[in-house]
């Protein structure tokens, strides 16, 4: 289902209930082209996505640690990373 921002505002609780109890995804669109800008989704979907990201981050960290221990890579100080990213 797709709703404009205005309709999503007017029917927000209905969209949330459809997500929570019916597993429905509602895309919120904006502009004349009705471009998708956001979504109201079941929490289980978001939690599954976050778990996937956490597992992938862990896999990458483990791979990086193994490369450093094997001498194939050098550790980079956090201050250097922050400076490079202008943080």
Protein backbone atom coordinates (compact mmCIF):
# COMPACT_ATOMS: atom_id res chain seq x y z
CA UNK A 1 0.00 0.00 0.00
CA UNK A 2 1.14 3.55 -0.65
CA UNK A 3 -0.06 6.74 1.04
CA UNK A 4 0.94 10.34 0.51
CA UNK A 5 2.43 12.11 3.52
CA UNK A 6 -0.88 13.90 4.12
CA UNK A 7 -2.92 10.69 3.96
CA UNK A 8 -0.38 8.84 6.10
CA UNK A 9 -0.74 11.59 8.71
CA UNK A 10 -4.53 11.36 8.61
CA UNK A 11 -4.53 7.54 8.77
CA UNK A 12 -1.39 6.93 10.81
CA UNK A 13 -2.94 4.77 13.52
CA UNK A 14 -4.66 2.59 10.89
CA UNK A 15 -1.37 2.08 9.04
CA UNK A 16 0.42 1.23 12.30
CA UNK A 17 -2.28 -1.28 13.23
CA UNK A 18 -2.12 -2.90 9.79
CA UNK A 19 1.65 -3.25 10.22
CA UNK A 20 1.45 -4.52 13.79
CA UNK A 21 -1.45 -6.93 13.40
CA UNK A 22 -1.55 -7.70 9.69
CA UNK A 23 2.12 -7.60 8.73
CA UNK A 24 1.39 -4.96 6.08
CA UNK A 25 3.99 -2.53 4.76
CA UNK A 26 2.75 0.98 3.96
CA UNK A 27 5.00 3.16 1.83
CA UNK A 28 4.77 6.90 2.48
CA UNK A 29 5.19 8.93 -0.69
CA UNK A 30 5.83 12.60 -1.35
CA UNK A 31 5.89 15.10 -4.14
CA UNK A 32 4.15 15.15 -7.48
CA UNK A 33 5.92 11.98 -8.54
CA UNK A 34 4.80 10.15 -5.40
CA UNK A 35 8.36 9.10 -4.66
CA UNK A 36 8.64 6.65 -1.77
CA UNK A 37 10.19 8.47 1.18
CA UNK A 38 9.51 6.24 4.19
CA UNK A 39 7.63 3.14 5.28
CA UNK A 40 5.51 1.97 8.15
CA UNK A 41 6.55 -1.64 8.68
CA UNK A 42 6.02 -4.48 11.15
CA UNK A 43 8.59 -4.31 13.94
CA UNK A 44 9.64 -7.90 13.24
CA UNK A 45 10.87 -6.80 9.83
CA UNK A 46 13.01 -4.04 11.31
CA UNK A 47 14.39 -6.31 14.04
CA UNK A 48 15.30 -8.98 11.48
CA UNK A 49 17.08 -6.32 9.39
CA UNK A 50 18.99 -5.05 12.44
CA UNK A 51 20.02 -8.62 13.33
CA UNK A 52 21.26 -9.13 9.76
CA UNK A 53 23.33 -5.93 9.93
CA UNK A 54 24.76 -6.89 13.33
CA UNK A 55 25.80 -10.33 12.05
CA UNK A 56 27.42 -8.81 8.97
CA UNK A 57 29.27 -6.22 11.08
CA UNK A 58 30.51 -9.03 13.32
CA UNK A 59 31.66 -11.07 10.33
CA UNK A 60 33.57 -8.09 8.93
CA UNK A 61 35.15 -7.32 12.31
CA UNK A 62 36.22 -10.96 12.72
CA UNK A 63 37.69 -11.01 9.22
CA UNK A 64 39.58 -7.77 9.88
CA UNK A 65 40.91 -9.11 13.20
CA UNK A 66 42.16 -12.27 11.48
CA UNK A 67 43.91 -10.17 8.80
CA UNK A 68 45.64 -8.08 11.47
CA UNK A 69 46.72 -11.14 13.48
CA UNK A 70 48.07 -12.79 10.31
CA UNK A 71 50.06 -9.65 9.44
CA UNK A 72 48.11 -8.98 6.25
CA UNK A 73 46.73 -5.68 7.57
CA UNK A 74 47.67 -2.97 10.04
CA UNK A 75 45.35 -1.60 12.70
CA UNK A 76 44.22 1.99 12.21
CA UNK A 77 43.87 4.18 15.33
CA UNK A 78 40.34 5.49 15.92
CA UNK A 79 41.64 9.06 16.01
CA UNK A 80 43.00 8.65 12.48
CA UNK A 81 39.68 7.31 11.23
CA UNK A 82 37.76 10.16 12.90
CA UNK A 83 40.10 12.73 11.41
CA UNK A 84 39.81 11.21 7.94
CA UNK A 85 35.99 11.24 8.20
CA UNK A 86 35.93 14.77 9.67
CA UNK A 87 34.22 13.57 12.84
